[in-house]
Protein backbone atom coordinates (compact mmCIF):
# COMPACT_ATOMS: atom_id res chain seq x y z
CA MET A 1 187.36 130.53 -62.66
CA GLN A 2 186.01 133.12 -65.09
CA SER A 3 188.22 136.08 -65.95
CA SER A 4 185.29 138.40 -65.15
CA ALA A 5 185.61 137.38 -61.49
CA VAL A 6 189.41 137.60 -61.40
CA LEU A 7 189.91 140.97 -63.09
CA PRO A 8 188.13 143.07 -60.41
CA VAL A 9 190.22 141.32 -57.75
CA LEU A 10 193.42 142.11 -59.64
CA PHE A 11 192.45 145.79 -59.89
CA GLU A 12 191.83 145.78 -56.13
CA VAL A 13 194.91 143.81 -55.10
CA LEU A 14 197.69 145.03 -57.40
CA PRO A 15 197.75 148.66 -56.15
CA ARG A 16 197.89 147.34 -52.58
CA VAL A 17 200.75 145.00 -53.44
CA ALA A 18 202.59 147.82 -55.21
CA ARG A 19 202.24 150.08 -52.17
CA ILE A 20 203.49 147.38 -49.80
CA ALA A 21 206.36 146.56 -52.16
CA ALA A 22 207.39 150.22 -52.18
CA TYR A 23 207.51 150.31 -48.37
CA ILE A 24 209.45 147.05 -48.25
CA ALA A 25 211.94 148.47 -50.75
CA VAL A 26 212.40 151.54 -48.59
CA GLY A 27 212.94 149.41 -45.49
CA VAL A 28 215.42 147.01 -47.06
CA PHE A 29 217.34 149.78 -48.85
CA ALA A 30 217.48 151.82 -45.64
CA ALA A 31 218.66 148.82 -43.62
CA ASN A 32 221.59 148.32 -45.98
CA LEU A 33 222.53 152.00 -46.03
CA VAL A 34 222.28 152.38 -42.26
CA VAL A 35 224.77 149.56 -41.84
CA ALA A 36 227.00 150.67 -44.70
CA PHE A 37 227.28 154.26 -43.44
CA GLY A 38 227.77 153.19 -39.85
CA LEU A 39 224.67 155.06 -38.65
CA VAL A 40 223.54 152.32 -36.28
CA GLU A 41 225.08 153.98 -33.24
CA ARG A 42 223.28 157.27 -33.90
CA ILE A 43 219.85 155.91 -34.82
CA ALA A 44 219.67 153.08 -32.30
CA GLY A 45 220.68 155.10 -29.24
CA LEU A 46 217.24 155.35 -27.64
CA SER A 47 216.09 151.92 -28.72
CA ARG A 48 219.16 150.39 -27.09
CA TYR A 49 217.26 150.56 -23.81
CA LEU A 50 215.00 147.90 -25.34
CA THR A 51 217.38 145.95 -27.54
CA SER A 52 220.19 145.64 -25.01
CA PRO A 53 218.12 144.00 -22.22
CA ALA A 54 216.52 141.78 -24.87
CA ASN A 55 219.96 140.58 -26.06
CA LEU A 56 219.35 141.96 -29.54
CA PRO A 57 222.01 143.73 -31.64
CA ASP A 58 221.89 147.50 -32.04
CA GLU A 59 220.90 147.15 -35.69
CA VAL A 60 217.44 145.99 -34.61
CA GLY A 61 216.96 149.42 -33.06
CA THR A 62 216.90 150.95 -36.53
CA ALA A 63 213.97 148.70 -37.46
CA ILE A 64 212.15 149.66 -34.24
CA VAL A 65 212.58 153.37 -34.96
CA THR A 66 211.48 152.86 -38.56
CA THR A 67 208.34 150.99 -37.48
CA ALA A 68 207.05 154.12 -35.75
CA ALA A 69 206.94 155.75 -39.19
CA SER A 70 206.05 152.71 -41.30
CA THR A 71 205.25 149.22 -40.05
CA THR A 72 205.89 147.76 -43.48
CA ALA A 73 209.32 149.40 -43.78
CA GLY A 74 210.22 148.25 -40.26
CA TYR A 75 209.25 144.68 -41.10
CA GLY A 76 211.25 144.96 -44.31
CA MET A 77 214.34 145.87 -42.30
CA LEU A 78 213.83 142.94 -39.92
CA ALA A 79 213.39 140.62 -42.89
CA GLU A 80 216.70 141.86 -44.26
CA PHE A 81 218.45 141.27 -40.93
CA ARG A 82 217.01 137.75 -40.73
CA GLU A 83 217.94 137.01 -44.33
CA SER A 84 221.52 138.21 -43.83
CA GLY A 85 221.96 136.12 -40.69
CA VAL A 86 222.02 138.96 -38.15
CA LEU A 87 218.95 137.42 -36.45
CA ASP A 88 217.85 133.80 -36.26
CA ASP A 89 214.16 132.86 -36.13
CA ARG A 90 213.84 133.13 -32.36
CA ALA A 91 215.54 136.54 -32.24
CA THR A 92 213.35 137.74 -35.12
CA LEU A 93 210.17 136.76 -33.26
CA VAL A 94 211.39 138.67 -30.21
CA ALA A 95 212.18 141.72 -32.37
CA VAL A 96 208.74 141.56 -34.02
CA THR A 97 207.13 141.47 -30.57
CA ILE A 98 209.13 144.46 -29.35
CA ASN A 99 208.06 146.34 -32.49
CA THR A 100 204.40 146.24 -31.41
CA PHE A 101 204.22 149.51 -29.47
CA PHE A 102 206.13 151.40 -32.15
CA GLY A 103 203.76 150.12 -34.79
CA PHE A 104 200.90 151.39 -32.63
CA VAL A 105 202.45 154.86 -32.34
CA GLN A 106 202.00 155.70 -36.01
CA HIS A 107 198.27 154.89 -35.79
CA ILE A 108 197.83 157.54 -33.11
CA PHE A 109 198.55 160.25 -35.67
CA THR A 110 196.97 158.61 -38.71
CA PHE A 111 193.76 157.18 -37.22
CA TYR A 112 193.14 157.44 -33.50
CA TRP A 113 193.68 161.18 -33.09
CA PRO A 114 192.06 162.51 -36.31
CA VAL A 115 189.26 159.91 -36.68
CA LEU A 116 188.39 157.82 -33.65
CA ILE A 117 188.63 160.34 -30.80
CA PRO A 118 186.33 162.87 -32.56
CA ILE A 119 183.74 160.10 -33.05
CA LEU A 120 183.85 158.79 -29.48
CA GLY A 121 184.40 162.06 -27.65
CA ARG A 122 187.37 163.00 -25.53
CA GLU A 123 186.63 160.89 -22.45
CA VAL A 124 185.87 157.56 -24.10
CA GLY A 125 188.24 158.29 -26.98
CA PHE A 126 191.22 158.83 -24.69
CA MET A 127 190.23 155.85 -22.55
CA TYR A 128 190.09 153.58 -25.57
CA VAL A 129 193.33 154.85 -27.12
CA GLY A 130 194.99 154.66 -23.70
CA ALA A 131 193.84 151.05 -23.31
CA ARG A 132 195.18 150.13 -26.74
CA ALA A 133 198.47 151.90 -25.97
CA ALA A 134 198.79 150.00 -22.68
CA ILE A 135 198.12 146.70 -24.48
CA ALA A 136 200.74 147.46 -27.14
CA LEU A 137 203.24 148.55 -24.48
CA ALA A 138 202.61 145.36 -22.48
CA ILE A 139 203.30 143.26 -25.59
CA THR A 140 206.53 145.17 -26.23
CA ALA A 141 207.58 144.66 -22.61
CA THR A 142 206.82 140.95 -22.99
CA GLY A 143 209.15 140.89 -25.98
CA VAL A 144 211.94 142.51 -23.96
CA VAL A 145 211.51 139.98 -21.14
CA ALA A 146 211.37 137.11 -23.62
CA GLY A 147 214.60 138.30 -25.21
CA ALA A 148 216.30 138.56 -21.83
CA VAL A 149 215.28 134.99 -20.95
CA LEU A 150 215.40 133.20 -24.30
CA LEU A 151 218.14 134.88 -26.34
CA SER A 152 221.92 134.73 -26.19
CA ASP A 153 224.82 135.39 -28.53
CA ARG A 154 223.96 132.18 -30.34
CA ASN A 155 220.77 133.76 -31.70
CA THR A 156 222.40 136.83 -33.25
CA THR A 157 225.41 137.65 -35.40
CA PRO A 158 227.15 141.04 -35.62
CA VAL A 159 226.56 142.75 -38.96
CA ALA A 160 230.25 142.85 -39.80
CA VAL A 161 230.54 139.09 -39.34
CA ALA A 162 227.30 138.37 -41.23
CA GLU A 163 228.48 140.50 -44.16
CA THR A 164 231.94 138.97 -44.46
CA ASP A 165 231.06 135.37 -43.61
CA GLY A 166 232.06 133.26 -46.56
CA SER A 167 233.11 136.27 -48.61
CA GLY A 168 236.82 135.59 -48.43
CA GLY A 169 237.50 139.12 -47.26
CA ALA A 170 240.06 138.05 -44.67
CA VAL A 171 241.77 135.71 -47.12
CA ASP A 172 241.98 138.46 -49.72
CA ALA A 173 243.62 140.74 -47.20
CA VAL A 174 246.24 138.09 -46.36
CA ASP A 175 246.92 137.43 -50.04
CA ALA A 176 247.32 141.14 -50.70
CA ALA A 177 249.84 141.42 -47.87
CA ALA A 178 251.76 138.41 -49.11
CA THR A 179 252.14 139.77 -52.63
CA SER A 180 253.71 143.00 -51.39
CA ASP A 181 257.03 141.16 -50.74
CA GLY A 182 257.74 143.61 -47.97
CA GLU A 183 257.98 146.57 -50.34
CA THR A 184 257.08 149.99 -49.01
CA THR A 185 254.16 151.57 -50.84
CA ASP A 186 254.91 154.89 -52.37
CA SER A 187 253.11 157.68 -50.51
CA VAL A 188 251.84 159.28 -53.72
CA ASP A 189 250.34 156.00 -54.88
CA ALA A 190 248.75 155.57 -51.47
CA ASP A 191 247.17 159.02 -51.62
CA ALA A 192 245.81 158.34 -55.09
CA ALA A 193 244.38 155.02 -53.97
CA ASP A 194 242.71 156.67 -50.97
CA ALA A 195 241.16 159.32 -53.21
CA ASP A 196 239.83 156.71 -55.62
CA ALA A 197 238.42 154.68 -52.75
CA THR A 198 236.64 157.73 -51.36
CA ASP A 199 235.12 158.59 -54.75
CA ASP A 200 233.92 155.04 -55.32
CA SER A 201 232.71 154.16 -51.83
CA LEU A 202 229.38 156.00 -51.94
CA ARG A 203 228.49 154.61 -55.34
CA GLU A 204 229.41 151.10 -54.25
CA MET A 205 227.29 151.39 -51.09
CA LEU A 206 224.28 152.57 -53.09
CA GLU A 207 224.73 149.88 -55.71
CA ASP A 208 225.08 147.15 -53.08
CA ALA A 209 221.96 148.38 -51.27
CA ALA A 210 220.02 148.51 -54.54
CA ARG A 211 221.10 144.97 -55.51
CA SER A 212 220.08 143.61 -52.12
CA THR A 213 216.73 145.42 -52.32
CA TRP A 214 215.99 144.12 -55.81
CA LYS A 215 216.88 140.57 -54.78
CA LYS A 216 214.49 140.82 -51.83
CA LEU A 217 211.63 142.30 -53.87
CA ARG A 218 212.04 139.74 -56.64
CA ARG A 219 211.38 136.99 -54.12
CA ILE A 220 208.71 138.65 -51.95
CA VAL A 221 206.43 140.53 -54.38
CA PRO A 222 205.26 137.57 -56.52
CA ARG A 223 204.46 135.58 -53.38
CA LEU A 224 202.68 138.59 -51.89
CA ALA A 225 200.55 139.08 -55.01
CA VAL A 226 199.54 135.40 -55.25
CA VAL A 227 198.49 135.16 -51.60
CA TYR A 228 196.57 138.46 -51.71
CA VAL A 229 194.65 137.41 -54.82
CA ALA A 230 193.80 134.00 -53.34
CA VAL A 231 192.64 135.47 -50.02
CA THR A 232 190.57 138.21 -51.68
CA LEU A 233 188.83 135.68 -53.93
CA LEU A 234 188.09 133.45 -50.95
CA LEU A 235 186.70 136.36 -48.93
CA ARG A 236 184.31 137.23 -51.73
CA THR A 237 182.81 133.76 -51.54
CA THR A 238 182.75 133.47 -47.73
CA ASP A 239 180.02 134.62 -45.37
CA LEU A 240 181.99 136.67 -42.87
CA GLU A 241 178.89 137.27 -40.77
CA SER A 242 179.43 133.81 -39.31
CA PHE A 243 182.14 135.39 -37.16
CA ALA A 244 179.41 137.39 -35.45
CA ALA A 245 178.29 134.23 -33.68
CA LEU A 246 181.29 134.68 -31.40
CA ALA A 247 180.10 138.09 -30.19
CA SER A 248 177.19 137.12 -27.97
CA PRO A 249 179.01 134.56 -25.77
CA LEU A 250 181.87 136.99 -25.18
CA THR A 251 179.68 139.96 -24.25
CA ASN A 252 177.53 137.77 -21.97
CA LEU A 253 180.63 136.37 -20.30
CA VAL A 254 181.82 139.79 -19.15
CA GLY A 255 178.35 141.10 -18.31
CA LEU A 256 177.96 143.74 -21.04
CA PRO A 257 174.54 144.99 -22.22
CA GLY A 258 172.85 143.15 -25.07
CA ALA A 259 173.38 146.24 -27.22
CA ALA A 260 177.08 145.37 -27.23
CA VAL A 261 176.54 142.56 -29.75
CA PRO A 262 175.80 144.72 -32.82
CA VAL A 263 178.71 146.99 -31.86
CA VAL A 264 181.09 144.03 -31.71
CA VAL A 265 179.78 142.78 -35.06
CA ALA A 266 180.35 146.23 -36.58
CA PHE A 267 183.90 146.29 -35.22
CA ALA A 268 184.57 142.94 -36.85
CA PHE A 269 184.13 144.56 -40.25
CA ASP A 270 185.28 148.14 -39.71
CA THR A 271 186.64 149.96 -36.66
CA THR A 272 185.27 153.35 -37.69
CA THR A 273 181.79 151.91 -38.20
CA GLY A 274 181.96 150.20 -34.82
CA ALA A 275 182.92 153.46 -33.10
CA ALA A 276 180.13 155.31 -34.86
CA THR A 277 177.67 152.59 -33.82
CA ILE A 278 178.45 152.81 -30.11
CA ALA A 279 179.02 156.57 -29.82
CA PRO A 280 175.32 157.62 -29.56
CA ALA A 281 174.71 155.04 -26.81
CA ILE A 282 177.53 156.17 -24.52
CA GLY A 283 176.10 157.60 -21.30
CA GLU A 284 172.72 155.95 -21.85
CA THR A 285 173.17 152.27 -22.66
CA PHE A 286 176.91 152.08 -21.97
CA THR A 287 179.09 153.59 -19.28
CA PRO A 288 182.48 154.81 -20.57
CA LYS A 289 184.21 151.70 -19.21
CA GLN A 290 181.59 149.40 -20.75
CA ALA A 291 181.97 151.19 -24.07
CA VAL A 292 185.73 150.70 -24.06
CA ALA A 293 185.37 147.05 -23.02
CA THR A 294 182.85 146.49 -25.82
CA MET A 295 185.19 148.00 -28.40
CA LEU A 296 188.09 145.91 -27.15
CA ILE A 297 186.01 142.74 -27.49
CA GLY A 298 185.16 143.96 -30.99
CA GLY A 299 188.90 144.08 -31.55
CA ILE A 300 189.22 140.42 -30.58
CA ILE A 301 186.49 139.42 -33.03
CA SER A 302 188.03 141.60 -35.73
CA PHE A 303 191.29 139.64 -35.48
CA ALA A 304 189.50 136.65 -37.00
CA VAL A 305 188.71 138.77 -40.05
CA SER A 306 191.78 141.02 -40.24
CA THR A 307 194.21 138.15 -39.69
CA PHE A 308 192.74 136.30 -42.63
CA LYS A 309 192.22 139.37 -44.80
CA ARG A 310 195.45 141.31 -44.17
CA SER A 311 197.90 139.62 -41.82
CA ILE A 312 198.21 136.30 -43.66
CA PRO A 313 198.92 137.85 -47.08
CA PHE A 314 201.30 140.42 -45.62
CA GLN A 315 203.22 138.14 -43.26
CA TYR A 316 203.40 135.28 -45.76
CA GLY A 317 204.67 137.72 -48.35
CA ILE A 318 207.39 139.03 -46.02
CA TRP A 319 208.50 135.80 -44.36
CA GLY A 320 207.01 132.90 -46.29
CA PRO A 321 204.26 130.58 -44.99
CA GLU A 322 206.26 128.72 -42.33
CA PHE A 323 207.82 131.60 -40.46
CA GLY A 324 204.95 133.95 -41.34
CA SER A 325 202.57 131.58 -39.51
CA LYS A 326 204.77 131.81 -36.42
CA VAL A 327 204.72 135.62 -36.54
CA ILE A 328 200.92 135.67 -36.89
CA ALA A 329 200.49 133.20 -34.02
CA VAL A 330 202.71 135.22 -31.67
CA ASN A 331 201.17 138.58 -32.63
CA THR A 332 197.57 137.39 -32.43
CA GLY A 333 198.04 135.32 -29.28
CA LEU A 334 199.65 138.16 -27.32
CA LYS A 335 197.04 140.67 -28.46
CA ILE A 336 194.15 138.44 -27.41
CA VAL A 337 195.72 137.72 -24.02
CA PHE A 338 196.36 141.35 -23.15
CA ILE A 339 193.03 142.57 -24.54
CA ALA A 340 191.32 139.99 -22.34
CA VAL A 341 193.26 141.31 -19.33
CA ALA A 342 192.27 144.89 -20.17
CA VAL A 343 188.58 143.93 -20.53
CA ALA A 344 188.66 142.09 -17.20
CA LEU A 345 190.10 145.19 -15.49
CA LEU A 346 187.48 147.45 -17.07
CA VAL A 347 184.45 145.37 -16.05
CA ALA A 348 185.77 144.32 -12.62
């Protein structure tokens, strides 16, 4: 392939990879510090109402809270918990599913409220955002139920155990006790040792968190960059309009006006463009419920594009191809199911 075709892709992809890597670094570094400083109890208090019924450890609550601010950072924390053995694959899938509503929350303030609602108007805008919120909440609830049914102590490991497993910490403690020969430690020496430990503890925690973060980035970022470049090159040589062929059967199936087809096609490429396309026709061609149903169907079609364009590179970069494919399948499958339920309720 000619370098003239690759260079523009690199200029497009590398800033995106750098931004994602920065968020992953924040998430992984924060996950290590939260555990090291014992902040789990404080941060995970509210989320315990979700993690406890789902048989997930409290540490997962920190990732859930973080996801509301940054989906990438939240995923980075979950990846760290899976890597360290706190969560096995099944528990990680449940945690990713529970994260859905919290990932949606951040979009309310960054996209839905400032962009979409002004385009659609208050009535349809709030109906659409409310429908998307209900879908995300239903997926999160499904994750909680799945955790309650499918998870047990065998799927999770307490952080303290995961950190010390194989480290020899307990053996070291026994050896240290054995070498004391029963002698009483001088109180002055003990005070000095405590002071040194206090001075060094913060630096050691930060260094350990930084080492873990660097190790994670060194493995993830190259894979992320390669997949993003490959997908972007493929998209530039693929006719994405072929996905529009799915629009007409879906809109006919639920009894929407023929004008819904171009709206759905627009949504497949850009949500803002799709909203701007349907907005002038609301009240004339579309009732508010039909408009929301049309946009939700556009969301289903857009998954075919967005999954290939964004989800595959991101999830493969975070988890690797095997587990990343499982995450994509669960996320996409649940979204399609609950969007279909929402559309059926709207057009009933």
